[in-house]
Amino acid sequence: MHADQEVNGYQQARRMPRALVVLFAGASGLSVANVYYAQPLLDALAADFSISHAAVGGVITFTQIGCALALLLLVPLGDQIDRRRLVLIQLVALFAALLGVSLARSSAALMFGMLMVGLLGTAMTQGLIAYAATAAAPAERGRVVGATQSGVVIGLLSARVLAGVVADLASWRGVYFVSALLMLVLGLMLLRALPVQAAPARRLSYGQLMLSMITLLRQERVLQIRGVIALLMFAAFSVFWSALVLPLSAPPYSLSHTAIGAFGLVGVVGALGAARAGHWADQGFGQRTSGLALMLLLVSWLPLSLVSHSLWWLILGIIALDLGGQAIHVTNQSMLFNTQVQAHSRLVGCYMLFYSVGSGLGAIASTAAYAAFGWQGVCLLGAGMSGVALAFWAWTVRLMPHSARPCAGLVQPCRETG
């Protein structure tokens, strides 16, 4: 695939080449991994920069601030600037930020570098998802978005393990240096393979672009409904992952942080399975997929509550939790991308704000629930959030507009009425 081929070419007649789908997924995974490399490296960073263990969490805080700023300030630019050029510019800037972190000699330089890594890594990741959705034909958009989202999940789940391996071999600085080199290689691949995007029919000023996001949040019913479902689902996710270290690090298991982090890799199974949800959304089964996935999310808390009996219950619960959650996430995005084609980047930015709020609320509620009621309290909290999400979905099925369904406007009739 060469740069002179237009995105519209895919939408007229043929499926996106498998190699390009794999590239979108791989690039998204490598981009988002940069945001999570620091988590298993905090001890090394604290020792190298003489930061107390109480304050070294600021490294993660600065990274997450960068993520939030990216959703508000950079991701929407994809609806105004040629996405191919924007992605390549951001990739070069991300390379510089990663190199800066690897060479940082003061805590101030480290924090600034982490802010930029969070900003650019998130902008790259969400920009590539919107790019893939725009490049795909309407009838295959869910499949392409699902594959790309699987790359994101695998990237963020693998980041902690990869960071630990590279750090053991070449120190924490080697992690960011190697990642910077990977961004250069990725840039060369994207330069050759990314299709050219047709120019926007109407160019907005930056101020108008920002204000239009408020309009989308106020008027786009699909964004409102699927955003609330995402908020509740990601809150449930955060409840689990934020508190998991507490029972596993205590007797009778007393597992190391490395062993606890390895449980995240179990979620790869769920991520790969959830990619199929995009294909079902393409066929008009998005609502049915949502209902089944939300029920699976609710049921997953039963095996998770049995962690004190066996770690096999924990593994089963993680697979169910990630499979249900990622299926919902993929279906949400598939529905969003079938509303306003000219606003894909802004829709991604707005939608991920729901994710950020849900994750933050879940993390706060999780530790409070554990302190008051132990692991069973955490599981009841997560099940409660999952149940509310399921009830909200059931209530809003009939409120979803026809335009959210991928079959709308195509020869193939819709199979669902909601």
Protein backbone atom coordinates (compact mmCIF):
# COMPACT_ATOMS: atom_id res chain seq x y z
CA MET A 1 0.00 0.00 0.00
CA HIS A 2 1.51 3.34 -1.07
CA ALA A 3 0.88 6.83 0.17
CA ASP A 4 -0.79 8.03 -3.03
CA GLN A 5 -3.81 5.79 -2.55
CA GLU A 6 -6.82 7.62 -1.15
CA VAL A 7 -8.77 6.49 1.88
CA ASN A 8 -11.94 6.68 -0.18
CA GLY A 9 -10.61 3.89 -2.35
CA TYR A 10 -11.16 1.42 0.47
CA GLN A 11 -14.63 2.71 1.10
CA GLN A 12 -15.80 2.32 -2.47
CA ALA A 13 -15.14 -1.31 -3.26
CA ARG A 14 -12.64 -3.37 -1.29
CA ARG A 15 -11.58 -4.50 2.11
CA MET A 16 -8.62 -2.96 3.85
CA PRO A 17 -5.54 -5.14 3.25
CA ARG A 18 -4.75 -7.41 6.18
CA ALA A 19 -1.19 -6.06 6.33
CA LEU A 20 -2.49 -2.52 6.85
CA VAL A 21 -4.90 -3.68 9.59
CA VAL A 22 -1.98 -5.42 11.33
CA LEU A 23 0.12 -2.26 10.99
CA PHE A 24 -2.61 -0.12 12.57
CA ALA A 25 -2.92 -2.61 15.44
CA GLY A 26 0.83 -2.92 15.96
CA ALA A 27 1.45 0.82 15.77
CA SER A 28 -1.35 1.51 18.25
CA GLY A 29 0.02 -1.12 20.64
CA LEU A 30 3.57 0.24 20.50
CA SER A 31 2.32 3.80 20.98
CA VAL A 32 0.17 3.10 24.03
CA ALA A 33 2.89 0.94 25.63
CA ASN A 34 5.00 4.08 26.10
CA VAL A 35 2.40 5.41 28.54
CA TYR A 36 2.70 2.35 30.81
CA TYR A 37 6.42 1.53 30.81
CA ALA A 38 7.05 3.55 33.97
CA GLN A 39 4.72 1.57 36.25
CA PRO A 40 7.12 -1.33 37.06
CA LEU A 41 10.12 1.04 37.06
CA LEU A 42 9.12 3.33 39.91
CA ASP A 43 11.58 1.82 42.40
CA ALA A 44 14.48 2.32 39.98
CA LEU A 45 13.38 5.88 39.20
CA ALA A 46 13.07 6.70 42.90
CA ALA A 47 16.61 5.45 43.56
CA ASP A 48 18.17 7.17 40.52
CA PHE A 49 16.62 10.60 41.17
CA SER A 50 16.51 10.43 45.00
CA ILE A 51 12.71 10.69 45.00
CA SER A 52 10.85 9.31 48.01
CA HIS A 53 8.57 6.33 47.47
CA ALA A 54 5.65 8.52 48.55
CA ALA A 55 6.40 11.09 45.84
CA VAL A 56 7.57 8.88 42.97
CA GLY A 57 3.93 8.23 42.06
CA GLY A 58 4.08 11.71 40.55
CA VAL A 59 5.75 10.10 37.54
CA ILE A 60 2.48 8.30 36.80
CA THR A 61 0.47 11.41 37.64
CA PHE A 62 2.37 13.53 35.10
CA THR A 63 1.95 10.81 32.48
CA GLN A 64 -1.82 10.69 33.07
CA ILE A 65 -2.07 14.48 32.92
CA GLY A 66 -0.43 14.24 29.51
CA CYS A 67 -3.02 11.63 28.48
CA ALA A 68 -5.91 13.89 29.49
CA LEU A 69 -4.40 16.89 27.68
CA ALA A 70 -3.97 14.78 24.54
CA LEU A 71 -7.66 13.84 24.48
CA LEU A 72 -8.67 17.49 24.81
CA LEU A 73 -6.02 19.29 22.75
CA LEU A 74 -4.37 16.95 20.22
CA VAL A 75 -6.66 14.06 19.30
CA PRO A 76 -9.38 16.35 17.80
CA LEU A 77 -6.81 17.75 15.33
CA GLY A 78 -7.30 14.64 13.20
CA ASP A 79 -10.57 16.15 11.99
CA GLN A 80 -8.77 19.31 10.85
CA ILE A 81 -5.30 18.22 9.66
CA ASP A 82 -4.37 15.42 7.28
CA ARG A 83 -4.14 12.41 9.61
CA ARG A 84 -1.12 10.93 7.86
CA ARG A 85 0.93 14.08 8.34
CA LEU A 86 -0.33 14.54 11.91
CA VAL A 87 0.59 10.98 12.94
CA LEU A 88 4.09 11.29 11.50
CA ILE A 89 4.70 14.66 13.19
CA GLN A 90 3.51 13.27 16.52
CA LEU A 91 5.69 10.19 16.09
CA VAL A 92 8.82 12.31 15.58
CA ALA A 93 7.92 14.35 18.68
CA LEU A 94 7.32 11.12 20.64
CA PHE A 95 10.76 9.86 19.60
CA ALA A 96 12.30 13.06 20.97
CA ALA A 97 10.31 12.78 24.22
CA LEU A 98 11.38 9.16 24.78
CA LEU A 99 14.99 10.04 24.08
CA GLY A 100 14.69 12.94 26.51
CA VAL A 101 13.41 10.65 29.27
CA SER A 102 16.25 8.18 28.69
CA LEU A 103 18.78 11.04 29.06
CA ALA A 104 17.07 12.90 31.93
CA ARG A 105 19.43 14.00 34.70
CA SER A 106 16.99 15.76 37.04
CA SER A 107 13.58 14.95 38.46
CA ALA A 108 12.15 18.05 36.74
CA ALA A 109 13.41 16.85 33.35
CA LEU A 110 12.01 13.39 34.09
CA MET A 111 8.55 14.71 35.00
CA PHE A 112 8.42 16.94 31.92
CA GLY A 113 9.50 14.04 29.72
CA MET A 114 6.80 11.80 31.21
CA LEU A 115 4.21 14.50 30.61
CA MET A 116 5.20 14.63 26.93
CA VAL A 117 5.29 10.83 26.63
CA GLY A 118 1.74 10.64 28.02
CA LEU A 119 0.61 13.47 25.74
CA LEU A 120 2.12 12.12 22.51
CA GLY A 121 1.68 8.42 23.21
CA THR A 122 -2.04 8.92 23.81
CA ALA A 123 -2.43 11.25 20.82
CA MET A 124 -0.74 8.70 18.58
CA THR A 125 -2.83 5.80 19.88
CA GLN A 126 -6.23 7.44 19.66
CA GLY A 127 -5.32 9.16 16.39
CA LEU A 128 -4.45 5.80 14.82
CA ILE A 129 -7.78 4.32 15.94
CA ALA A 130 -9.66 7.20 14.31
CA TYR A 131 -7.42 6.90 11.23
CA ALA A 132 -8.20 3.18 10.91
CA ALA A 133 -11.94 3.83 11.28
CA THR A 134 -11.86 6.49 8.58
CA ALA A 135 -9.79 4.36 6.22
CA ALA A 136 -12.10 1.35 6.56
CA ALA A 137 -15.22 0.84 4.49
CA PRO A 138 -18.45 1.19 6.53
CA ALA A 139 -19.23 -2.52 6.20
CA GLU A 140 -15.88 -3.52 7.78
CA ARG A 141 -15.33 -0.63 10.17
CA GLY A 142 -16.12 -2.65 13.29
CA ARG A 143 -13.71 -5.41 12.26
CA VAL A 144 -10.89 -2.94 11.65
CA VAL A 145 -11.55 -0.98 14.85
CA GLY A 146 -11.74 -4.26 16.81
CA ALA A 147 -8.38 -5.42 15.47
CA THR A 148 -6.78 -2.05 16.20
CA GLN A 149 -8.23 -1.96 19.70
CA SER A 150 -6.87 -5.47 20.33
CA GLY A 151 -3.43 -4.10 19.48
CA VAL A 152 -3.95 -1.33 22.03
CA VAL A 153 -4.94 -3.75 24.80
CA ILE A 154 -2.07 -6.13 24.06
CA GLY A 155 0.33 -3.18 24.03
CA LEU A 156 -0.74 -1.82 27.41
CA LEU A 157 -0.88 -5.29 29.00
CA SER A 158 2.55 -6.24 27.66
CA ALA A 159 4.22 -2.92 28.47
CA ARG A 160 4.86 -3.72 32.13
CA VAL A 161 6.42 -7.10 31.35
CA LEU A 162 8.57 -5.75 28.49
CA ALA A 163 9.75 -2.85 30.63
CA GLY A 164 10.81 -5.24 33.37
CA VAL A 165 12.75 -7.48 30.98
CA VAL A 166 14.59 -4.63 29.25
CA ALA A 167 15.28 -2.88 32.57
CA ASP A 168 16.88 -6.05 33.94
CA LEU A 169 19.17 -6.15 30.90
CA ALA A 170 19.90 -2.47 30.31
CA SER A 171 18.49 -0.38 33.22
CA TRP A 172 15.35 1.75 33.14
CA ARG A 173 17.02 4.19 30.73
CA GLY A 174 17.42 1.36 28.25
CA VAL A 175 13.63 0.87 28.21
CA TYR A 176 13.04 4.37 26.86
CA PHE A 177 16.03 4.31 24.54
CA VAL A 178 14.88 1.06 22.95
CA SER A 179 11.35 2.40 22.65
CA ALA A 180 12.68 5.55 20.93
CA LEU A 181 14.44 3.36 18.35
CA LEU A 182 11.23 1.37 17.85
CA MET A 183 9.40 4.63 17.12
CA LEU A 184 11.91 5.41 14.38
CA VAL A 185 11.37 2.02 12.74
CA LEU A 186 7.62 2.41 13.12
CA GLY A 187 7.80 5.84 11.51
CA LEU A 188 9.47 4.44 8.41
CA MET A 189 6.77 1.76 8.12
CA LEU A 190 3.93 4.25 8.56
CA LEU A 191 5.50 6.68 6.09
CA ARG A 192 5.37 4.01 3.41
CA ALA A 193 2.06 2.35 4.25
CA LEU A 194 -0.45 4.90 5.55
CA PRO A 195 -3.02 5.95 2.93
CA VAL A 196 -3.55 9.63 2.17
CA GLN A 197 -6.72 11.04 3.68
CA ALA A 198 -9.08 13.23 1.71
CA ALA A 199 -9.05 16.84 2.93
CA PRO A 200 -11.94 17.85 5.24
CA ALA A 201 -14.86 19.41 3.37
CA ARG A 202 -14.95 22.25 5.90
CA ARG A 203 -11.95 23.37 7.90
CA LEU A 204 -12.63 24.68 11.40
CA SER A 205 -10.42 27.00 13.39
CA TYR A 206 -8.81 25.45 16.45
CA GLY A 207 -11.23 27.32 18.69
CA GLN A 208 -14.22 26.11 16.69
CA LEU A 209 -12.82 22.58 16.84
CA MET A 210 -12.67 22.69 20.64
CA LEU A 211 -16.18 24.17 20.94
CA SER A 212 -17.55 21.52 18.58
CA MET A 213 -16.55 18.84 21.11
CA ILE A 214 -18.90 20.45 23.62
CA THR A 215 -21.61 20.39 20.95
CA LEU A 216 -20.96 16.69 20.32
CA LEU A 217 -21.24 15.91 24.03
CA ARG A 218 -24.48 17.88 24.26
CA GLN A 219 -26.20 16.69 21.08
CA GLU A 220 -24.82 13.30 19.95
CA ARG A 221 -27.07 10.70 21.59
CA VAL A 222 -24.86 7.74 20.63
CA LEU A 223 -21.88 9.40 22.33
CA GLN A 224 -23.95 10.13 25.44
CA ILE A 225 -25.36 6.60 25.76
CA ARG A 226 -22.27 4.62 24.85
CA GLY A 227 -20.10 7.06 26.83
CA VAL A 228 -22.04 6.38 30.04
CA ILE A 229 -21.80 2.62 29.41
CA ALA A 230 -18.04 3.06 28.92
CA LEU A 231 -17.73 5.12 32.10
CA LEU A 232 -19.44 2.40 34.17
CA MET A 233 -17.53 -0.42 32.47
CA PHE A 234 -14.12 1.21 32.90
CA ALA A 235 -14.99 2.09 36.50
CA ALA A 236 -15.62 -1.62 37.13
CA PHE A 237 -12.32 -2.44 35.41
CA SER A 238 -10.47 0.05 37.55
CA VAL A 239 -12.11 -1.29 40.72
CA PHE A 240 -10.59 -4.70 40.01
CA TRP A 241 -7.12 -3.76 38.78
CA SER A 242 -6.56 -1.05 41.40
CA ALA A 243 -7.25 -3.41 44.31
CA LEU A 244 -5.83 -6.68 42.95
CA VAL A 245 -2.37 -6.11 44.42
CA LEU A 246 -3.81 -5.92 47.95
CA PRO A 247 -5.09 -9.51 48.40
CA LEU A 248 -2.35 -11.08 46.27
CA SER A 249 0.51 -9.40 48.13
CA ALA A 250 -0.93 -10.50 51.49
CA PRO A 251 -0.97 -14.04 52.96
CA PRO A 252 -1.61 -16.76 51.96
CA TYR A 253 -0.21 -15.85 48.52
CA SER A 254 2.30 -13.06 49.31
CA LEU A 255 3.17 -12.74 45.62
CA SER A 256 5.82 -10.38 44.27
CA HIS A 257 4.87 -7.33 42.22
CA THR A 258 6.29 -9.02 39.14
CA ALA A 259 4.09 -12.08 39.65
CA ILE A 260 1.04 -9.92 40.28
CA GLY A 261 1.74 -7.88 37.14
CA ALA A 262 1.96 -11.08 35.11
CA PHE A 263 -1.75 -11.66 35.75
CA GLY A 264 -2.35 -8.74 33.40
CA LEU A 265 -1.13 -10.90 30.53
CA VAL A 266 -4.13 -13.17 31.08
CA GLY A 267 -6.19 -10.28 29.73
CA VAL A 268 -4.61 -10.77 26.30
CA VAL A 269 -6.90 -13.78 25.85
CA GLY A 270 -9.91 -11.56 26.41
CA ALA A 271 -8.56 -8.86 24.11
CA LEU A 272 -8.08 -11.28 21.23
CA GLY A 273 -11.54 -12.75 21.74
CA ALA A 274 -13.17 -9.32 21.90
CA ALA A 275 -11.85 -8.42 18.44
CA ARG A 276 -14.70 -10.52 17.08
CA ALA A 277 -17.16 -8.04 18.58
CA GLY A 278 -16.30 -5.53 15.87
CA HIS A 279 -17.22 -8.05 13.18
CA TRP A 280 -20.58 -8.69 14.86
CA ALA A 281 -21.20 -4.94 15.02
CA ASP A 282 -20.55 -4.76 11.25
CA GLN A 283 -23.27 -7.37 10.77
CA GLY A 284 -25.79 -5.34 12.77
CA PHE A 285 -25.54 -7.25 16.05
CA GLY A 286 -23.99 -4.45 18.13
CA GLN A 287 -26.79 -4.26 20.67
CA ARG A 288 -26.97 -8.02 21.20
CA THR A 289 -23.18 -8.12 21.59
CA SER A 290 -23.41 -5.31 24.14
CA GLY A 291 -26.02 -7.13 26.20
CA LEU A 292 -24.10 -10.42 26.24
CA ALA A 293 -20.82 -8.66 27.03
CA LEU A 294 -22.36 -6.71 29.92
CA MET A 295 -23.86 -9.91 31.33
CA LEU A 296 -20.43 -11.56 31.09
CA LEU A 297 -18.91 -8.55 32.86
CA LEU A 298 -21.41 -8.96 35.69
CA VAL A 299 -20.93 -12.75 35.97
CA SER A 300 -17.12 -12.39 36.02
CA TRP A 301 -17.25 -11.05 39.58
CA LEU A 302 -18.35 -14.43 40.91
CA PRO A 303 -15.07 -16.27 40.12
CA LEU A 304 -13.12 -13.12 41.02
CA SER A 305 -14.68 -13.19 44.50
CA LEU A 306 -13.27 -16.71 45.00
CA VAL A 307 -9.63 -15.65 44.77
CA SER A 308 -8.97 -16.81 48.33
CA HIS A 309 -9.90 -20.36 47.31
CA SER A 310 -7.73 -20.71 44.20
CA LEU A 311 -5.79 -18.57 41.72
CA TRP A 312 -7.49 -20.55 38.93
CA TRP A 313 -10.73 -18.78 39.82
CA LEU A 314 -8.87 -15.48 39.49
CA ILE A 315 -7.57 -16.41 36.03
CA LEU A 316 -11.05 -17.44 34.89
CA GLY A 317 -12.52 -14.22 36.23
CA ILE A 318 -9.87 -12.05 34.54
CA ILE A 319 -10.53 -13.70 31.17
CA ALA A 320 -14.29 -13.12 31.55
CA LEU A 321 -13.84 -9.55 32.79
CA ASP A 322 -11.48 -8.57 29.96
CA LEU A 323 -13.49 -10.39 27.29
CA GLY A 324 -16.72 -8.66 28.32
CA GLY A 325 -15.13 -5.27 28.86
CA GLN A 326 -13.16 -5.19 25.62
CA ALA A 327 -16.17 -6.43 23.61
CA ILE A 328 -18.17 -3.50 24.99
CA HIS A 329 -15.32 -1.09 24.22
CA VAL A 330 -14.99 -2.28 20.61
CA THR A 331 -18.76 -2.21 20.05
CA ASN A 332 -19.00 1.30 21.53
CA GLN A 333 -16.38 2.61 19.14
CA SER A 334 -17.90 0.82 16.15
CA MET A 335 -21.24 2.50 16.85
CA LEU A 336 -19.64 5.90 17.39
CA PHE A 337 -17.68 5.74 14.14
CA ASN A 338 -20.90 5.16 12.22
CA THR A 339 -22.45 8.44 13.32
CA GLN A 340 -20.36 11.37 12.00
CA VAL A 341 -17.55 10.36 9.66
CA GLN A 342 -16.14 13.89 9.58
CA ALA A 343 -15.79 13.94 13.38
CA HIS A 344 -14.04 10.63 14.13
CA SER A 345 -11.13 12.19 16.02
CA ARG A 346 -13.35 14.42 18.14
CA LEU A 347 -15.64 11.48 18.89
CA VAL A 348 -12.63 9.46 20.08
CA GLY A 349 -11.46 12.33 22.27
CA CYS A 350 -14.90 12.82 23.83
CA TYR A 351 -15.49 9.10 24.30
CA MET A 352 -12.15 8.55 26.03
CA LEU A 353 -12.98 11.33 28.47
CA PHE A 354 -15.72 9.04 29.79
CA TYR A 355 -13.03 6.36 30.11
CA SER A 356 -10.79 8.69 32.12
CA VAL A 357 -13.56 9.69 34.51
CA GLY A 358 -14.66 6.09 35.01
CA SER A 359 -11.12 4.86 35.63
CA GLY A 360 -10.46 7.60 38.15
CA LEU A 361 -13.69 7.03 40.08
CA GLY A 362 -13.14 3.27 40.10
CA ALA A 363 -9.63 3.58 41.49
CA ILE A 364 -10.75 5.87 44.34
CA ALA A 365 -13.78 3.73 45.23
CA SER A 366 -11.80 0.49 45.02
CA THR A 367 -9.24 1.18 47.72
CA ALA A 368 -11.91 2.67 49.98
CA ALA A 369 -14.05 -0.47 49.57
CA TYR A 370 -11.09 -2.73 50.34
CA ALA A 371 -10.17 -0.77 53.46
CA ALA A 372 -13.75 -0.99 54.75
CA PHE A 373 -14.95 -4.41 53.58
CA GLY A 374 -11.97 -6.33 52.18
CA TRP A 375 -11.83 -8.14 48.83
CA GLN A 376 -15.49 -9.20 48.99
CA GLY A 377 -16.46 -5.54 49.28
CA VAL A 378 -14.40 -4.78 46.16
CA CYS A 379 -16.17 -7.53 44.24
CA LEU A 380 -19.60 -6.34 45.38
CA LEU A 381 -18.70 -2.82 44.27
CA GLY A 382 -17.52 -4.03 40.86
CA ALA A 383 -20.60 -6.24 40.42
CA GLY A 384 -22.82 -3.31 41.38
CA MET A 385 -21.24 -1.07 38.75
CA SER A 386 -21.52 -3.84 36.15
CA GLY A 387 -25.18 -4.36 37.05
CA VAL A 388 -25.93 -0.65 36.70
CA ALA A 389 -24.22 -0.68 33.28
CA LEU A 390 -26.36 -3.64 32.18
CA ALA A 391 -29.57 -1.96 33.41
CA PHE A 392 -28.63 1.32 31.70
CA TRP A 393 -27.97 -0.51 28.42
CA ALA A 394 -31.35 -2.27 28.61
CA TRP A 395 -33.09 1.05 29.27
CA THR A 396 -31.40 2.83 26.36
CA VAL A 397 -31.64 0.14 23.65
CA ARG A 398 -34.68 1.81 22.08
CA LEU A 399 -33.17 5.28 22.40
CA MET A 400 -30.23 4.57 20.09
CA PRO A 401 -30.67 6.34 16.73
CA HIS A 402 -30.72 4.41 13.46
CA SER A 403 -27.53 6.12 12.22
CA ALA A 404 -25.42 4.35 14.86
CA ARG A 405 -25.91 1.00 13.19
CA PRO A 406 -23.28 0.05 10.60
CA CYS A 407 -25.92 -1.35 8.29
CA ALA A 408 -27.64 2.01 8.04
CA GLY A 409 -27.48 3.33 4.52
CA LEU A 410 -26.25 0.04 3.03
CA VAL A 411 -28.08 -2.43 0.85
CA GLN A 412 -28.06 -5.02 3.65
CA PRO A 413 -31.02 -4.38 6.02
CA CYS A 414 -30.45 -3.98 9.74
CA ARG A 415 -30.99 -7.04 11.89
CA GLU A 416 -31.70 -5.06 15.04
CA THR A 417 -34.35 -2.54 15.92
CA GLY A 418 -32.32 -0.87 18.65
